[in-house]
Amino acid sequence: MVAIHHRYRTVDGQRLFYREAGSPQAPTLVLLHGFPTSSHMFRNLIPLLADRYHVIAPDHLGFGLSDTPGANEFDYTFDALTDLTEGLLDAIGIGSYAMYVQDYGAPIGWRLALRHPTRITAIISQNGNAYDAGFVDGFWKTVWAYHAEQNESTEQGMRFALTLEATQWQYLTGVPDETLVDPGTWAHDYALISRPGNDLVQLALFLDYRTNPPLYPAVQAYFRQSQVPLLAVWGQGDEIFGPDGATAFRTDLPGAEIHLLEGGHFLLESALDKTTDIIREFLRDHVG
């Protein structure tokens, strides 16, 4: 049995939680989670990779077991979350690494890559966009409306994403057999995002998401210039980031590996074994 360590590190005055497993001498893989979850989404994947890789999975500030300062105490932006992630990796002593990005983890990962392109050995994107293609309008029209104007109506639209119903929807939509998904997943996430004051934290990040698509041209230029090995393993039933977001990677990375699997936004909950097999083969070929 692989030992998984549950650690804390203070970075710029913020206490960040992270999971760590595997030998520090092995190639490092950094797992960056999305909304509304935490490193908890990787709890089953970590032991399946840590026999060959040094795995680090942090909770972003405001999520999981990391600190959750109020929105009046901390300026929640994707740049700020990237600063903390970079600081954490530096504090642990991580130089080069592969990264797995999902949902919010993608814009954080892209910023890390743009800041230090030579540190990134490979990328795994699991329903994490780097192109305008793949945004499913049924979900994103509410977000775009909030970006265009912040008022009571558009804010209420975004607050629905913080409900138990919406959290459950993210886990179950697109999953052929819903009984494979543990109900504790959405109960766990909902409990954490429902902590007093966390609604304002999440609203701040919803609003700052508007800074991410304008970053895509720079990310795509990084892809073209680096030809970084990239695997897109995607839940094709995701109603947030659709399959076009996966196939778009080949625009700038012709050698990108694309796998569209039966599943939804949280593919690891219903297709863990198949996803893990694909990831292990990709890492074996490109990371060692």
C-alpha atoms as a PDB file:
ATOM      1  CA  MET A   1       0.000   0.000   0.000  1.00  0.00           C
ATOM      2  CA  VAL A   2       1.375   3.404  -1.011  1.00  0.00           C
ATOM      3  CA  ALA A   3       1.546   5.873   1.873  1.00  0.00           C
ATOM      4  CA  ILE A   4      -0.277   9.149   1.252  1.00  0.00           C
ATOM      5  CA  HIS A   5       0.872  12.043   3.413  1.00  0.00           C
ATOM      6  CA  HIS A   6      -1.495  14.881   4.339  1.00  0.00           C
ATOM      7  CA  ARG A   7       0.525  18.029   4.839  1.00  0.00           C
ATOM      8  CA  TYR A   8       0.259  21.778   5.370  1.00  0.00           C
ATOM      9  CA  ARG A   9       2.645  24.525   4.287  1.00  0.00           C
ATOM     10  CA  THR A  10       2.306  28.266   4.896  1.00  0.00           C
ATOM     11  CA  VAL A  11       2.892  30.349   1.759  1.00  0.00           C
ATOM     12  CA  ASP A  12       2.676  34.154   1.872  1.00  0.00           C
ATOM     13  CA  GLY A  13       0.801  33.926   5.164  1.00  0.00           C
ATOM     14  CA  GLN A  14      -1.764  31.399   3.871  1.00  0.00           C
ATOM     15  CA  ARG A  15      -1.884  27.824   5.170  1.00  0.00           C
ATOM     16  CA  LEU A  16      -2.237  25.449   2.226  1.00  0.00           C
ATOM     17  CA  PHE A  17      -3.148  21.787   2.462  1.00  0.00           C
ATOM     18  CA  TYR A  18      -1.718  19.230   0.065  1.00  0.00           C
ATOM     19  CA  ARG A  19      -1.497  15.474  -0.403  1.00  0.00           C
ATOM     20  CA  GLU A  20       1.877  13.945  -1.196  1.00  0.00           C
ATOM     21  CA  ALA A  21       2.825  10.397  -2.122  1.00  0.00           C
ATOM     22  CA  GLY A  22       5.654   8.551  -3.825  1.00  0.00           C
ATOM     23  CA  SER A  23       9.400   8.940  -3.731  1.00  0.00           C
ATOM     24  CA  PRO A  24      10.702  12.523  -3.999  1.00  0.00           C
ATOM     25  CA  GLN A  25      13.413  11.090  -6.248  1.00  0.00           C
ATOM     26  CA  ALA A  26      10.804   9.991  -8.810  1.00  0.00           C
ATOM     27  CA  PRO A  27       9.451  12.292 -11.552  1.00  0.00           C
ATOM     28  CA  THR A  28       6.905  14.687 -10.079  1.00  0.00           C
ATOM     29  CA  LEU A  29       3.257  14.971 -11.115  1.00  0.00           C
ATOM     30  CA  VAL A  30       1.252  17.938  -9.788  1.00  0.00           C
ATOM     31  CA  LEU A  31      -2.530  17.483  -9.664  1.00  0.00           C
ATOM     32  CA  LEU A  32      -4.566  20.711  -9.878  1.00  0.00           C
ATOM     33  CA  HIS A  33      -8.247  20.391  -9.018  1.00  0.00           C
ATOM     34  CA  GLY A  34     -11.278  22.288 -10.242  1.00  0.00           C
ATOM     35  CA  PHE A  35     -14.489  23.822  -8.883  1.00  0.00           C
ATOM     36  CA  PRO A  36     -16.191  23.027  -6.530  1.00  0.00           C
ATOM     37  CA  THR A  37     -13.910  20.318  -5.223  1.00  0.00           C
ATOM     38  CA  SER A  38     -10.365  19.959  -3.860  1.00  0.00           C
ATOM     39  CA  SER A  39      -7.523  17.458  -3.835  1.00  0.00           C
ATOM     40  CA  HIS A  40     -10.218  15.094  -2.571  1.00  0.00           C
ATOM     41  CA  MET A  41     -11.072  14.472  -6.251  1.00  0.00           C
ATOM     42  CA  PHE A  42      -7.677  12.739  -6.602  1.00  0.00           C
ATOM     43  CA  ARG A  43      -7.954  10.537  -3.506  1.00  0.00           C
ATOM     44  CA  ASN A  44      -8.318   7.354  -5.578  1.00  0.00           C
ATOM     45  CA  LEU A  45      -5.908   8.313  -8.373  1.00  0.00           C
ATOM     46  CA  ILE A  46      -2.925   9.172  -6.172  1.00  0.00           C
ATOM     47  CA  PRO A  47      -2.189   5.636  -4.916  1.00  0.00           C
ATOM     48  CA  LEU A  48      -2.472   4.309  -8.478  1.00  0.00           C
ATOM     49  CA  LEU A  49       0.324   6.611  -9.674  1.00  0.00           C
ATOM     50  CA  ALA A  50       2.571   7.012  -6.637  1.00  0.00           C
ATOM     51  CA  ASP A  51       4.373   3.698  -7.172  1.00  0.00           C
ATOM     52  CA  ARG A  52       6.296   5.340 -10.030  1.00  0.00           C
ATOM     53  CA  TYR A  53       5.790   9.081  -9.531  1.00  0.00           C
ATOM     54  CA  HIS A  54       6.113  11.718  -6.845  1.00  0.00           C
ATOM     55  CA  VAL A  55       2.562  13.056  -6.644  1.00  0.00           C
ATOM     56  CA  ILE A  56       1.592  16.453  -5.191  1.00  0.00           C
ATOM     57  CA  ALA A  57      -2.075  17.509  -4.978  1.00  0.00           C
ATOM     58  CA  PRO A  58      -2.760  20.880  -3.307  1.00  0.00           C
ATOM     59  CA  ASP A  59      -6.058  22.451  -2.274  1.00  0.00           C
ATOM     60  CA  HIS A  60      -6.387  25.933  -3.773  1.00  0.00           C
ATOM     61  CA  LEU A  61      -6.930  28.742  -1.293  1.00  0.00           C
ATOM     62  CA  GLY A  62     -10.646  28.916  -0.459  1.00  0.00           C
ATOM     63  CA  PHE A  63     -11.149  25.218  -1.209  1.00  0.00           C
ATOM     64  CA  GLY A  64     -10.840  21.961   0.666  1.00  0.00           C
ATOM     65  CA  LEU A  65      -8.676  22.090   3.779  1.00  0.00           C
ATOM     66  CA  SER A  66      -6.606  25.126   2.803  1.00  0.00           C
ATOM     67  CA  ASP A  67      -7.231  28.461   4.477  1.00  0.00           C
ATOM     68  CA  THR A  68     -10.380  30.301   3.427  1.00  0.00           C
ATOM     69  CA  PRO A  69      -9.845  33.987   4.163  1.00  0.00           C
ATOM     70  CA  GLY A  70     -12.869  36.106   3.355  1.00  0.00           C
ATOM     71  CA  ALA A  71     -13.184  37.904   0.048  1.00  0.00           C
ATOM     72  CA  ASN A  72     -12.645  41.152   1.974  1.00  0.00           C
ATOM     73  CA  GLU A  73      -9.333  39.797   3.308  1.00  0.00           C
ATOM     74  CA  PHE A  74      -7.849  38.290   0.154  1.00  0.00           C
ATOM     75  CA  ASP A  75      -8.152  39.255  -3.498  1.00  0.00           C
ATOM     76  CA  TYR A  76      -9.293  35.989  -5.066  1.00  0.00           C
ATOM     77  CA  THR A  77      -8.059  35.877  -8.641  1.00  0.00           C
ATOM     78  CA  PHE A  78      -6.552  33.138 -10.769  1.00  0.00           C
ATOM     79  CA  ASP A  79      -3.285  35.065 -10.768  1.00  0.00           C
ATOM     80  CA  ALA A  80      -3.295  35.019  -6.962  1.00  0.00           C
ATOM     81  CA  LEU A  81      -4.066  31.296  -6.790  1.00  0.00           C
ATOM     82  CA  THR A  82      -1.213  30.698  -9.240  1.00  0.00           C
ATOM     83  CA  ASP A  83       1.138  32.748  -7.041  1.00  0.00           C
ATOM     84  CA  LEU A  84       0.311  30.519  -4.068  1.00  0.00           C
ATOM     85  CA  THR A  85       0.654  27.305  -6.066  1.00  0.00           C
ATOM     86  CA  GLU A  86       4.008  28.419  -7.413  1.00  0.00           C
ATOM     87  CA  GLY A  87       5.100  29.372  -3.897  1.00  0.00           C
ATOM     88  CA  LEU A  88       4.032  25.992  -2.544  1.00  0.00           C
ATOM     89  CA  LEU A  89       5.945  24.065  -5.218  1.00  0.00           C
ATOM     90  CA  ASP A  90       9.032  26.203  -4.600  1.00  0.00           C
ATOM     91  CA  ALA A  91       8.753  25.641  -0.838  1.00  0.00           C
ATOM     92  CA  ILE A  92       8.525  21.870  -1.307  1.00  0.00           C
ATOM     93  CA  GLY A  93      11.514  21.997  -3.648  1.00  0.00           C
ATOM     94  CA  ILE A  94       9.791  20.974  -6.871  1.00  0.00           C
ATOM     95  CA  GLY A  95      11.729  21.945  -9.993  1.00  0.00           C
ATOM     96  CA  SER A  96      10.419  20.258 -13.120  1.00  0.00           C
ATOM     97  CA  TYR A  97       7.093  18.460 -13.115  1.00  0.00           C
ATOM     98  CA  ALA A  98       4.255  17.115 -15.199  1.00  0.00           C
ATOM     99  CA  MET A  99       0.822  18.450 -14.360  1.00  0.00           C
ATOM    100  CA  TYR A 100      -2.761  17.198 -14.438  1.00  0.00           C
ATOM    101  CA  VAL A 101      -5.266  20.030 -14.794  1.00  0.00           C
ATOM    102  CA  GLN A 102      -9.039  19.898 -14.469  1.00  0.00           C
ATOM    103  CA  ASP A 103     -11.566  22.762 -14.648  1.00  0.00           C
ATOM    104  CA  TYR A 104     -10.124  25.622 -12.482  1.00  0.00           C
ATOM    105  CA  GLY A 105      -6.839  23.744 -12.375  1.00  0.00           C
ATOM    106  CA  ALA A 106      -6.366  24.488 -16.075  1.00  0.00           C
ATOM    107  CA  PRO A 107      -6.082  28.308 -15.903  1.00  0.00           C
ATOM    108  CA  ILE A 108      -3.790  27.923 -12.899  1.00  0.00           C
ATOM    109  CA  GLY A 109      -1.684  25.367 -14.742  1.00  0.00           C
ATOM    110  CA  TRP A 110      -1.514  27.499 -17.895  1.00  0.00           C
ATOM    111  CA  ARG A 111      -0.235  30.439 -15.880  1.00  0.00           C
ATOM    112  CA  LEU A 112       2.432  28.247 -14.284  1.00  0.00           C
ATOM    113  CA  ALA A 113       3.515  27.070 -17.731  1.00  0.00           C
ATOM    114  CA  LEU A 114       3.674  30.605 -19.123  1.00  0.00           C
ATOM    115  CA  ARG A 115       5.787  31.749 -16.183  1.00  0.00           C
ATOM    116  CA  HIS A 116       8.222  28.805 -16.283  1.00  0.00           C
ATOM    117  CA  PRO A 117       7.754  26.872 -19.533  1.00  0.00           C
ATOM    118  CA  THR A 118      10.893  24.785 -19.117  1.00  0.00           C
ATOM    119  CA  ARG A 119       9.676  23.362 -15.805  1.00  0.00           C
ATOM    120  CA  ILE A 120       6.720  21.563 -17.412  1.00  0.00           C
ATOM    121  CA  THR A 121       7.622  18.077 -18.620  1.00  0.00           C
ATOM    122  CA  ALA A 122       4.135  17.023 -19.742  1.00  0.00           C
ATOM    123  CA  ILE A 123       0.476  17.999 -19.403  1.00  0.00           C
ATOM    124  CA  ILE A 124      -2.639  15.941 -18.748  1.00  0.00           C
ATOM    125  CA  SER A 125      -5.861  17.876 -19.266  1.00  0.00           C
ATOM    126  CA  GLN A 126      -9.010  16.253 -17.974  1.00  0.00           C
ATOM    127  CA  ASN A 127     -11.864  18.529 -18.999  1.00  0.00           C
ATOM    128  CA  GLY A 128      -9.717  21.628 -18.700  1.00  0.00           C
ATOM    129  CA  ASN A 129      -9.975  24.114 -21.580  1.00  0.00           C
ATOM    130  CA  ALA A 130      -7.249  26.062 -23.357  1.00  0.00           C
ATOM    131  CA  TYR A 131      -9.421  27.046 -26.360  1.00  0.00           C
ATOM    132  CA  ASP A 132     -12.738  28.796 -26.865  1.00  0.00           C
ATOM    133  CA  ALA A 133     -13.994  25.571 -28.435  1.00  0.00           C
ATOM    134  CA  GLY A 134     -15.736  23.300 -25.967  1.00  0.00           C
ATOM    135  CA  PHE A 135     -17.529  25.829 -23.781  1.00  0.00           C
ATOM    136  CA  VAL A 136     -21.061  24.398 -23.551  1.00  0.00           C
ATOM    137  CA  ASP A 137     -23.446  27.324 -23.939  1.00  0.00           C
ATOM    138  CA  GLY A 138     -26.148  25.872 -21.700  1.00  0.00           C
ATOM    139  CA  PHE A 139     -23.831  26.269 -18.733  1.00  0.00           C
ATOM    140  CA  TRP A 140     -21.650  29.206 -19.727  1.00  0.00           C
ATOM    141  CA  LYS A 141     -24.323  31.679 -20.842  1.00  0.00           C
ATOM    142  CA  THR A 142     -25.048  32.319 -17.158  1.00  0.00           C
ATOM    143  CA  VAL A 143     -21.361  32.949 -16.495  1.00  0.00           C
ATOM    144  CA  TRP A 144     -20.971  35.235 -19.512  1.00  0.00           C
ATOM    145  CA  ALA A 145     -24.026  37.219 -18.369  1.00  0.00           C
ATOM    146  CA  TYR A 146     -22.419  37.708 -14.945  1.00  0.00           C
ATOM    147  CA  HIS A 147     -19.210  38.869 -16.578  1.00  0.00           C
ATOM    148  CA  ALA A 148     -21.082  41.376 -18.697  1.00  0.00           C
ATOM    149  CA  GLU A 149     -22.993  42.899 -15.790  1.00  0.00           C
ATOM    150  CA  GLN A 150     -23.064  42.243 -12.065  1.00  0.00           C
ATOM    151  CA  ASN A 151     -26.549  42.783 -10.708  1.00  0.00           C
ATOM    152  CA  GLU A 152     -29.029  40.915  -8.519  1.00  0.00           C
ATOM    153  CA  SER A 153     -30.323  38.832 -11.417  1.00  0.00           C
ATOM    154  CA  THR A 154     -26.953  37.723 -12.802  1.00  0.00           C
ATOM    155  CA  GLU A 155     -25.611  37.090  -9.298  1.00  0.00           C
ATOM    156  CA  GLN A 156     -28.553  34.815  -8.511  1.00  0.00           C
ATOM    157  CA  GLY A 157     -27.747  32.882 -11.656  1.00  0.00           C
ATOM    158  CA  MET A 158     -24.226  32.294 -10.404  1.00  0.00           C
ATOM    159  CA  ARG A 159     -25.342  31.471  -6.882  1.00  0.00           C
ATOM    160  CA  PHE A 160     -27.244  28.488  -8.252  1.00  0.00           C
ATOM    161  CA  ALA A 161     -23.835  26.919  -8.965  1.00  0.00           C
ATOM    162  CA  LEU A 162     -23.259  26.906  -5.195  1.00  0.00           C
ATOM    163  CA  THR A 163     -26.312  24.771  -4.413  1.00  0.00           C
ATOM    164  CA  LEU A 164     -26.367  21.083  -3.570  1.00  0.00           C
ATOM    165  CA  GLU A 165     -28.485  20.468  -6.680  1.00  0.00           C
ATOM    166  CA  ALA A 166     -25.886  22.053  -8.973  1.00  0.00           C
ATOM    167  CA  THR A 167     -23.005  20.246  -7.280  1.00  0.00           C
ATOM    168  CA  GLN A 168     -24.752  16.900  -7.735  1.00  0.00           C
ATOM    169  CA  TRP A 169     -25.476  17.810 -11.363  1.00  0.00           C
ATOM    170  CA  GLN A 170     -21.758  18.328 -12.016  1.00  0.00           C
ATOM    171  CA  TYR A 171     -20.974  14.850 -10.729  1.00  0.00           C
ATOM    172  CA  LEU A 172     -23.762  12.933 -12.452  1.00  0.00           C
ATOM    173  CA  THR A 173     -24.324  14.625 -15.812  1.00  0.00           C
ATOM    174  CA  GLY A 174     -22.953  12.535 -18.666  1.00  0.00           C
ATOM    175  CA  VAL A 175     -22.282   9.469 -16.503  1.00  0.00           C
ATOM    176  CA  PRO A 176     -23.855   6.348 -18.077  1.00  0.00           C
ATOM    177  CA  ASP A 177     -24.149   4.524 -14.739  1.00  0.00           C
ATOM    178  CA  GLU A 178     -24.819   7.013 -11.955  1.00  0.00           C
ATOM    179  CA  THR A 179     -24.519   4.316  -9.296  1.00  0.00           C
ATOM    180  CA  LEU A 180     -20.752   4.353  -9.846  1.00  0.00           C
ATOM    181  CA  VAL A 181     -20.528   7.867  -8.365  1.00  0.00           C
ATOM    182  CA  ASP A 182     -20.308   8.030  -4.592  1.00  0.00           C
ATOM    183  CA  PRO A 183     -22.936  10.502  -3.260  1.00  0.00           C
ATOM    184  CA  GLY A 184     -20.399  11.481  -0.638  1.00  0.00           C
ATOM    185  CA  THR A 185     -18.484  13.374  -3.317  1.00  0.00           C
ATOM    186  CA  TRP A 186     -21.035  16.104  -3.869  1.00  0.00           C
ATOM    187  CA  ALA A 187     -22.015  16.129  -0.177  1.00  0.00           C
ATOM    188  CA  HIS A 188     -18.348  16.692   0.706  1.00  0.00           C
ATOM    189  CA  ASP A 189     -17.864  19.512  -1.810  1.00  0.00           C
ATOM    190  CA  TYR A 190     -21.146  21.209  -0.969  1.00  0.00           C
ATOM    191  CA  ALA A 191     -20.360  21.223   2.751  1.00  0.00           C
ATOM    192  CA  LEU A 192     -17.036  22.964   2.138  1.00  0.00           C
ATOM    193  CA  ILE A 193     -18.242  25.609  -0.322  1.00  0.00           C
ATOM    194  CA  SER A 194     -21.173  26.329   2.035  1.00  0.00           C
ATOM    195  CA  ARG A 195     -18.963  27.541   4.862  1.00  0.00           C
ATOM    196  CA  PRO A 196     -19.861  31.073   6.012  1.00  0.00           C
ATOM    197  CA  GLY A 197     -18.437  33.665   3.638  1.00  0.00           C
ATOM    198  CA  ASN A 198     -17.287  31.162   1.018  1.00  0.00           C
ATOM    199  CA  ASP A 199     -20.089  32.239  -1.314  1.00  0.00           C
ATOM    200  CA  LEU A 200     -18.335  35.589  -1.795  1.00  0.00           C
ATOM    201  CA  VAL A 201     -15.036  33.798  -2.417  1.00  0.00           C
ATOM    202  CA  GLN A 202     -16.616  31.730  -5.177  1.00  0.00           C
ATOM    203  CA  LEU A 203     -18.396  34.728  -6.694  1.00  0.00           C
ATOM    204  CA  ALA A 204     -15.062  36.550  -6.893  1.00  0.00           C
ATOM    205  CA  LEU A 205     -13.528  33.631  -8.782  1.00  0.00           C
ATOM    206  CA  PHE A 206     -16.572  33.287 -11.051  1.00  0.00           C
ATOM    207  CA  LEU A 207     -16.062  36.929 -11.990  1.00  0.00           C
ATOM    208  CA  ASP A 208     -12.315  36.617 -12.452  1.00  0.00           C
ATOM    209  CA  TYR A 209     -12.816  33.676 -14.823  1.00  0.00           C
ATOM    210  CA  ARG A 210     -13.256  36.363 -17.491  1.00  0.00           C
ATOM    211  CA  THR A 211      -9.459  36.778 -17.422  1.00  0.00           C
ATOM    212  CA  ASN A 212      -8.882  33.210 -18.610  1.00  0.00           C
ATOM    213  CA  PRO A 213     -10.055  33.084 -22.269  1.00  0.00           C
ATOM    214  CA  PRO A 214      -7.990  36.199 -23.141  1.00  0.00           C
ATOM    215  CA  LEU A 215      -4.956  34.224 -21.960  1.00  0.00           C
ATOM    216  CA  TYR A 216      -5.570  31.425 -24.469  1.00  0.00           C
ATOM    217  CA  PRO A 217      -3.570  32.925 -27.378  1.00  0.00           C
ATOM    218  CA  ALA A 218      -0.453  33.037 -25.190  1.00  0.00           C
ATOM    219  CA  VAL A 219      -1.097  29.480 -23.991  1.00  0.00           C
ATOM    220  CA  GLN A 220      -1.540  28.291 -27.559  1.00  0.00           C
ATOM    221  CA  ALA A 221       1.706  30.007 -28.571  1.00  0.00           C
ATOM    222  CA  TYR A 222       3.409  28.170 -25.695  1.00  0.00           C
ATOM    223  CA  PHE A 223       2.027  24.892 -27.060  1.00  0.00           C
ATOM    224  CA  ARG A 224       3.315  25.642 -30.573  1.00  0.00           C
ATOM    225  CA  GLN A 225       6.748  26.691 -29.397  1.00  0.00           C
ATOM    226  CA  SER A 226       7.316  23.977 -26.798  1.00  0.00           C
ATOM    227  CA  GLN A 227       5.445  21.038 -28.342  1.00  0.00           C
ATOM    228  CA  VAL A 228       5.012  19.855 -24.771  1.00  0.00           C
ATOM    229  CA  PRO A 229       3.656  16.288 -24.565  1.00  0.00           C
ATOM    230  CA  LEU A 230      -0.058  16.588 -23.879  1.00  0.00           C
ATOM    231  CA  LEU A 231      -2.785  14.092 -23.081  1.00  0.00           C
ATOM    232  CA  ALA A 232      -6.442  15.136 -23.138  1.00  0.00           C
ATOM    233  CA  VAL A 233      -8.492  12.461 -21.378  1.00  0.00           C
ATOM    234  CA  TRP A 234     -12.026  13.777 -21.372  1.00  0.00           C
ATOM    235  CA  GLY A 235     -15.452  12.888 -20.090  1.00  0.00           C
ATOM    236  CA  GLN A 236     -17.331  13.278 -23.366  1.00  0.00           C
ATOM    237  CA  GLY A 237     -20.670  13.752 -21.595  1.00  0.00           C
ATOM    238  CA  ASP A 238     -19.465  16.863 -19.746  1.00  0.00           C
ATOM    239  CA  GLU A 239     -22.017  19.674 -20.129  1.00  0.00           C
ATOM    240  CA  ILE A 240     -19.507  22.313 -19.006  1.00  0.00           C
ATOM    241  CA  PHE A 241     -16.427  21.605 -21.135  1.00  0.00           C
ATOM    242  CA  GLY A 242     -17.499  19.573 -24.144  1.00  0.00           C
ATOM    243  CA  PRO A 243     -15.367  17.257 -26.321  1.00  0.00           C
ATOM    244  CA  ASP A 244     -14.442  20.067 -28.732  1.00  0.00           C
ATOM    245  CA  GLY A 245     -12.237  21.418 -25.955  1.00  0.00           C
ATOM    246  CA  ALA A 246     -10.239  18.196 -26.061  1.00  0.00           C
ATOM    247  CA  THR A 247      -9.820  17.894 -29.822  1.00  0.00           C
ATOM    248  CA  ALA A 248      -8.808  21.581 -30.053  1.00  0.00           C
ATOM    249  CA  PHE A 249      -5.409  20.795 -28.524  1.00  0.00           C
ATOM    250  CA  ARG A 250      -4.340  19.250 -31.836  1.00  0.00           C
ATOM    251  CA  THR A 251      -4.596  22.711 -33.428  1.00  0.00           C
ATOM    252  CA  ASP A 252      -1.221  23.599 -31.912  1.00  0.00           C
ATOM    253  CA  LEU A 253      -0.013  20.199 -30.692  1.00  0.00           C
ATOM    254  CA  PRO A 254      -0.472  17.783 -33.611  1.00  0.00           C
ATOM    255  CA  GLY A 255       0.959  14.977 -31.503  1.00  0.00           C
ATOM    256  CA  ALA A 256      -1.471  15.453 -28.634  1.00  0.00           C
ATOM    257  CA  GLU A 257      -3.130  12.266 -27.425  1.00  0.00           C
ATOM    258  CA  ILE A 258      -6.929  12.613 -27.266  1.00  0.00           C
ATOM    259  CA  HIS A 259      -9.153  10.118 -25.458  1.00  0.00           C
ATOM    260  CA  LEU A 260     -12.901  10.758 -25.189  1.00  0.00           C
ATOM    261  CA  LEU A 261     -14.343   8.422 -22.574  1.00  0.00           C
ATOM    262  CA  GLU A 262     -17.857   7.709 -21.382  1.00  0.00           C
ATOM    263  CA  GLY A 263     -18.268   9.969 -18.394  1.00  0.00           C
ATOM    264  CA  GLY A 264     -18.812  13.511 -17.265  1.00  0.00           C
ATOM    265  CA  HIS A 265     -17.018  16.426 -15.636  1.00  0.00           C
ATOM    266  CA  PHE A 266     -15.494  14.300 -12.860  1.00  0.00           C
ATOM    267  CA  LEU A 267     -14.258  11.396 -14.935  1.00  0.00           C
ATOM    268  CA  LEU A 268     -12.259   9.829 -12.108  1.00  0.00           C
ATOM    269  CA  GLU A 269     -15.454   9.019 -10.232  1.00  0.00           C
ATOM    270  CA  SER A 270     -16.888   6.684 -12.879  1.00  0.00           C
ATOM    271  CA  ALA A 271     -13.970   5.716 -15.150  1.00  0.00           C
ATOM    272  CA  LEU A 272     -11.010   5.624 -12.771  1.00  0.00           C
ATOM    273  CA  ASP A 273      -9.401   2.403 -14.011  1.00  0.00           C
ATOM    274  CA  LYS A 274      -9.521   3.254 -17.716  1.00  0.00           C
ATOM    275  CA  THR A 275      -8.382   6.833 -17.106  1.00  0.00           C
ATOM    276  CA  THR A 276      -5.504   5.633 -14.927  1.00  0.00           C
ATOM    277  CA  ASP A 277      -4.340   3.128 -17.560  1.00  0.00           C
ATOM    278  CA  ILE A 278      -4.247   5.895 -20.179  1.00  0.00           C
ATOM    279  CA  ILE A 279      -2.383   8.257 -17.843  1.00  0.00           C
ATOM    280  CA  ARG A 280       0.201   5.657 -16.846  1.00  0.00           C
ATOM    281  CA  GLU A 281       0.951   4.791 -20.471  1.00  0.00           C
ATOM    282  CA  PHE A 282       1.269   8.479 -21.384  1.00  0.00           C
ATOM    283  CA  LEU A 283       3.581   9.218 -18.455  1.00  0.00           C
ATOM    284  CA  ARG A 284       5.675   6.125 -19.161  1.00  0.00           C
ATOM    285  CA  ASP A 285       6.194   7.303 -22.742  1.00  0.00           C
ATOM    286  CA  HIS A 286       6.920  10.948 -21.970  1.00  0.00           C
ATOM    287  CA  VAL A 287       8.059  11.343 -18.371  1.00  0.00           C
ATOM    288  CA  GLY A 288       9.742   8.076 -17.447  1.00  0.00           C
END
